[in-house]
């Protein structure tokens, strides 16, 4: 899976913003923190949920269970808005 090209990631102040282009079926803006920014960065290349979680565990000092839960939730929400190529 990876982030569809119809979505653009940008940073505004301390927030990460995911914006759909005109060709995306989702119409809105997704705002997030540095955790979402890291997940979106990893989704620029084709990957798996397990690989994203493993990379996040290396990057952040938090319990693996919490990281896996956050990654799973973020990916579920990205799928929900049609932002991922499977």
N, C-alpha and C. Protein backbone atom coordinates (compact mmCIF):
# COMPACT_ATOMS: atom_id res chain seq x y z
N UNK A 1 0.84 -1.17 0.00
CA UNK A 1 0.00 0.00 0.00
C UNK A 1 0.88 1.23 0.00
N UNK A 2 0.35 2.32 -0.56
CA UNK A 2 1.04 3.60 -0.50
C UNK A 2 0.03 4.72 -0.69
N UNK A 3 0.47 5.92 -0.38
CA UNK A 3 -0.39 7.08 -0.50
C UNK A 3 -0.65 7.38 -1.97
N UNK A 4 -1.90 7.62 -2.32
CA UNK A 4 -2.25 7.93 -3.71
C UNK A 4 -1.68 9.29 -4.11
N UNK A 5 -1.36 9.42 -5.36
CA UNK A 5 -0.82 10.67 -5.89
C UNK A 5 -1.82 11.81 -5.83
N UNK A 6 -3.10 11.47 -5.69
CA UNK A 6 -4.14 12.50 -5.63
C UNK A 6 -4.15 13.23 -4.29
N UNK A 7 -3.25 12.87 -3.38
CA UNK A 7 -3.17 13.51 -2.07
C UNK A 7 -1.80 14.15 -1.89
N UNK A 8 -1.80 15.37 -1.40
CA UNK A 8 -0.57 16.14 -1.20
C UNK A 8 -0.38 16.35 0.29
N UNK A 9 0.85 16.12 0.75
CA UNK A 9 1.18 16.33 2.15
C UNK A 9 1.97 17.62 2.27
N UNK A 10 1.56 18.46 3.20
CA UNK A 10 2.27 19.72 3.43
C UNK A 10 2.30 20.00 4.93
N UNK A 11 3.21 20.86 5.33
CA UNK A 11 3.30 21.25 6.73
C UNK A 11 2.89 22.71 6.86
N UNK A 12 2.05 22.97 7.84
CA UNK A 12 1.60 24.32 8.14
C UNK A 12 1.87 24.55 9.62
N UNK A 13 2.83 25.40 9.91
CA UNK A 13 3.26 25.64 11.30
C UNK A 13 3.69 24.31 11.90
N UNK A 14 3.01 23.86 12.95
CA UNK A 14 3.39 22.61 13.61
C UNK A 14 2.52 21.44 13.20
N UNK A 15 1.63 21.65 12.24
CA UNK A 15 0.72 20.60 11.80
C UNK A 15 1.11 20.05 10.43
N UNK A 16 0.79 18.78 10.25
CA UNK A 16 0.90 18.17 8.93
C UNK A 16 -0.51 18.14 8.35
N UNK A 17 -0.62 18.50 7.08
CA UNK A 17 -1.93 18.58 6.43
C UNK A 17 -1.91 17.71 5.18
N UNK A 18 -2.92 16.87 5.05
CA UNK A 18 -3.12 16.02 3.88
C UNK A 18 -4.28 16.61 3.09
N UNK A 19 -3.98 17.02 1.86
CA UNK A 19 -4.97 17.72 1.03
C UNK A 19 -5.21 16.92 -0.24
N UNK A 20 -6.48 16.65 -0.57
CA UNK A 20 -6.77 15.96 -1.82
C UNK A 20 -6.71 16.94 -2.99
N UNK A 21 -6.31 16.44 -4.14
CA UNK A 21 -6.35 17.26 -5.35
C UNK A 21 -7.75 17.16 -5.93
N UNK A 22 -7.99 17.85 -6.99
CA UNK A 22 -9.32 17.86 -7.61
C UNK A 22 -9.78 16.51 -8.09
N UNK A 23 -8.86 15.58 -8.35
CA UNK A 23 -9.26 14.28 -8.88
C UNK A 23 -9.59 13.27 -7.77
N UNK A 24 -9.37 13.61 -6.52
CA UNK A 24 -9.66 12.69 -5.41
C UNK A 24 -11.16 12.70 -5.11
N UNK A 25 -11.65 11.58 -4.63
CA UNK A 25 -13.07 11.50 -4.30
C UNK A 25 -13.36 12.09 -2.91
N UNK A 26 -12.36 12.23 -2.08
CA UNK A 26 -12.50 12.83 -0.76
C UNK A 26 -12.40 14.34 -0.88
N UNK A 27 -13.30 15.05 -0.23
CA UNK A 27 -13.29 16.51 -0.26
C UNK A 27 -13.19 17.01 1.17
N UNK A 28 -12.01 17.37 1.57
CA UNK A 28 -11.77 17.84 2.92
C UNK A 28 -10.28 17.93 3.14
N UNK A 29 -9.91 18.14 4.39
CA UNK A 29 -8.51 18.25 4.77
C UNK A 29 -8.30 17.39 6.00
N UNK A 30 -7.18 16.67 6.03
CA UNK A 30 -6.82 15.87 7.20
C UNK A 30 -5.65 16.57 7.87
N UNK A 31 -5.83 16.89 9.14
CA UNK A 31 -4.77 17.55 9.90
C UNK A 31 -4.22 16.59 10.94
N UNK A 32 -2.91 16.64 11.15
CA UNK A 32 -2.31 15.73 12.11
C UNK A 32 -1.02 16.27 12.69
N UNK A 33 -0.44 15.46 13.57
CA UNK A 33 0.77 15.84 14.28
C UNK A 33 2.00 15.17 13.66
N UNK A 34 3.11 15.17 14.40
CA UNK A 34 4.36 14.59 13.87
C UNK A 34 4.24 13.09 13.66
N UNK A 35 3.38 12.42 14.40
CA UNK A 35 3.18 10.99 14.20
C UNK A 35 2.56 10.73 12.84
N UNK A 36 1.51 11.47 12.51
CA UNK A 36 0.89 11.31 11.19
C UNK A 36 1.88 11.70 10.10
N UNK A 37 2.67 12.73 10.33
CA UNK A 37 3.66 13.14 9.34
C UNK A 37 4.64 12.00 9.04
N UNK A 38 5.08 11.31 10.08
CA UNK A 38 6.02 10.19 9.90
C UNK A 38 5.35 9.04 9.14
N UNK A 39 4.10 8.74 9.47
CA UNK A 39 3.37 7.67 8.80
C UNK A 39 3.19 8.02 7.31
N UNK A 40 2.78 9.24 7.03
CA UNK A 40 2.60 9.67 5.64
C UNK A 40 3.90 9.64 4.87
N UNK A 41 5.00 9.99 5.52
CA UNK A 41 6.30 9.94 4.87
C UNK A 41 6.64 8.51 4.48
N UNK A 42 6.36 7.56 5.36
CA UNK A 42 6.63 6.15 5.07
C UNK A 42 5.72 5.61 3.97
N UNK A 43 4.54 6.21 3.83
CA UNK A 43 3.59 5.75 2.82
C UNK A 43 3.86 6.35 1.43
N UNK A 44 4.93 7.11 1.29
CA UNK A 44 5.30 7.61 -0.04
C UNK A 44 5.77 6.47 -0.94
N UNK A 45 6.29 5.42 -0.31
CA UNK A 45 6.74 4.22 -1.03
C UNK A 45 5.81 3.07 -0.70
N UNK A 46 5.73 2.10 -1.57
CA UNK A 46 4.90 0.92 -1.33
C UNK A 46 5.43 0.19 -0.09
N UNK A 47 4.55 -0.11 0.85
CA UNK A 47 4.94 -0.71 2.12
C UNK A 47 3.79 -1.51 2.71
N UNK A 48 3.99 -2.01 3.90
CA UNK A 48 2.94 -2.74 4.62
C UNK A 48 2.72 -2.06 5.97
N UNK A 49 1.61 -2.39 6.59
CA UNK A 49 1.32 -1.84 7.91
C UNK A 49 2.39 -2.28 8.91
N UNK A 50 2.82 -3.53 8.84
CA UNK A 50 3.86 -4.02 9.76
C UNK A 50 5.17 -3.26 9.56
N UNK A 51 5.53 -2.97 8.31
CA UNK A 51 6.77 -2.24 8.05
C UNK A 51 6.68 -0.81 8.56
N UNK A 52 5.52 -0.20 8.41
CA UNK A 52 5.33 1.17 8.94
C UNK A 52 5.45 1.15 10.45
N UNK A 53 4.80 0.19 11.11
CA UNK A 53 4.86 0.10 12.57
C UNK A 53 6.29 -0.14 13.04
N UNK A 54 7.03 -1.00 12.36
CA UNK A 54 8.41 -1.28 12.74
C UNK A 54 9.27 -0.02 12.61
N UNK A 55 9.10 0.72 11.52
CA UNK A 55 9.87 1.95 11.33
C UNK A 55 9.50 2.99 12.38
N UNK A 56 8.24 3.04 12.74
CA UNK A 56 7.80 3.99 13.77
C UNK A 56 8.38 3.62 15.13
N UNK A 57 8.50 2.34 15.40
CA UNK A 57 9.09 1.88 16.67
C UNK A 57 10.56 2.31 16.76
N UNK A 58 11.25 2.30 15.63
CA UNK A 58 12.64 2.75 15.60
C UNK A 58 12.74 4.26 15.78
N UNK A 59 11.76 4.98 15.26
CA UNK A 59 11.81 6.43 15.25
C UNK A 59 11.33 7.06 16.56
N UNK A 60 10.35 6.45 17.21
CA UNK A 60 9.75 7.04 18.40
C UNK A 60 9.97 6.18 19.63
N UNK A 61 10.14 6.82 20.76
CA UNK A 61 10.33 6.13 22.03
C UNK A 61 8.97 6.01 22.71
N UNK A 62 8.27 4.95 22.38
CA UNK A 62 6.94 4.68 22.94
C UNK A 62 6.74 3.17 22.94
N UNK A 63 5.83 2.68 23.78
CA UNK A 63 5.57 1.24 23.77
C UNK A 63 5.09 0.76 22.39
N UNK A 64 5.62 -0.38 21.96
CA UNK A 64 5.28 -0.92 20.64
C UNK A 64 3.77 -1.08 20.48
N UNK A 65 3.10 -1.51 21.52
CA UNK A 65 1.64 -1.70 21.47
C UNK A 65 0.94 -0.39 21.11
N UNK A 66 1.37 0.72 21.69
CA UNK A 66 0.77 2.02 21.39
C UNK A 66 1.05 2.45 19.96
N UNK A 67 2.28 2.24 19.52
CA UNK A 67 2.65 2.61 18.15
C UNK A 67 1.84 1.80 17.15
N UNK A 68 1.75 0.50 17.35
CA UNK A 68 0.97 -0.34 16.43
C UNK A 68 -0.49 0.08 16.40
N UNK A 69 -1.05 0.45 17.55
CA UNK A 69 -2.44 0.90 17.61
C UNK A 69 -2.61 2.20 16.83
N UNK A 70 -1.67 3.13 17.00
CA UNK A 70 -1.76 4.41 16.30
C UNK A 70 -1.59 4.25 14.80
N UNK A 71 -0.66 3.41 14.39
CA UNK A 71 -0.45 3.15 12.96
C UNK A 71 -1.69 2.51 12.36
N UNK A 72 -2.24 1.53 13.04
CA UNK A 72 -3.44 0.84 12.56
C UNK A 72 -4.60 1.82 12.39
N UNK A 73 -4.79 2.68 13.37
CA UNK A 73 -5.88 3.65 13.31
C UNK A 73 -5.67 4.63 12.15
N UNK A 74 -4.44 5.12 11.99
CA UNK A 74 -4.16 6.07 10.92
C UNK A 74 -4.39 5.44 9.55
N UNK A 75 -3.93 4.22 9.37
CA UNK A 75 -4.10 3.53 8.09
C UNK A 75 -5.58 3.25 7.83
N UNK A 76 -6.30 2.85 8.85
CA UNK A 76 -7.75 2.62 8.70
C UNK A 76 -8.45 3.90 8.25
N UNK A 77 -8.08 5.04 8.85
CA UNK A 77 -8.71 6.31 8.48
C UNK A 77 -8.30 6.76 7.07
N UNK A 78 -7.05 6.52 6.71
CA UNK A 78 -6.61 6.85 5.35
C UNK A 78 -7.32 6.00 4.31
N UNK A 79 -7.52 4.74 4.63
CA UNK A 79 -8.29 3.87 3.73
C UNK A 79 -9.72 4.38 3.61
N UNK A 80 -10.27 4.81 4.73
CA UNK A 80 -11.65 5.28 4.76
C UNK A 80 -11.91 6.48 3.85
N UNK A 81 -10.90 7.30 3.66
CA UNK A 81 -11.08 8.46 2.78
C UNK A 81 -10.55 8.19 1.37
N UNK A 82 -10.10 6.97 1.14
CA UNK A 82 -9.62 6.60 -0.19
C UNK A 82 -8.26 7.14 -0.54
N UNK A 83 -7.41 7.34 0.48
CA UNK A 83 -6.09 7.94 0.26
C UNK A 83 -5.00 6.92 -0.04
N UNK A 84 -5.31 5.63 0.05
CA UNK A 84 -4.29 4.61 -0.13
C UNK A 84 -4.52 3.76 -1.37
N UNK A 85 -3.43 3.46 -2.06
CA UNK A 85 -3.44 2.45 -3.12
C UNK A 85 -3.11 1.13 -2.46
N UNK A 86 -3.90 0.14 -2.70
CA UNK A 86 -3.65 -1.18 -2.08
C UNK A 86 -2.94 -2.09 -3.03
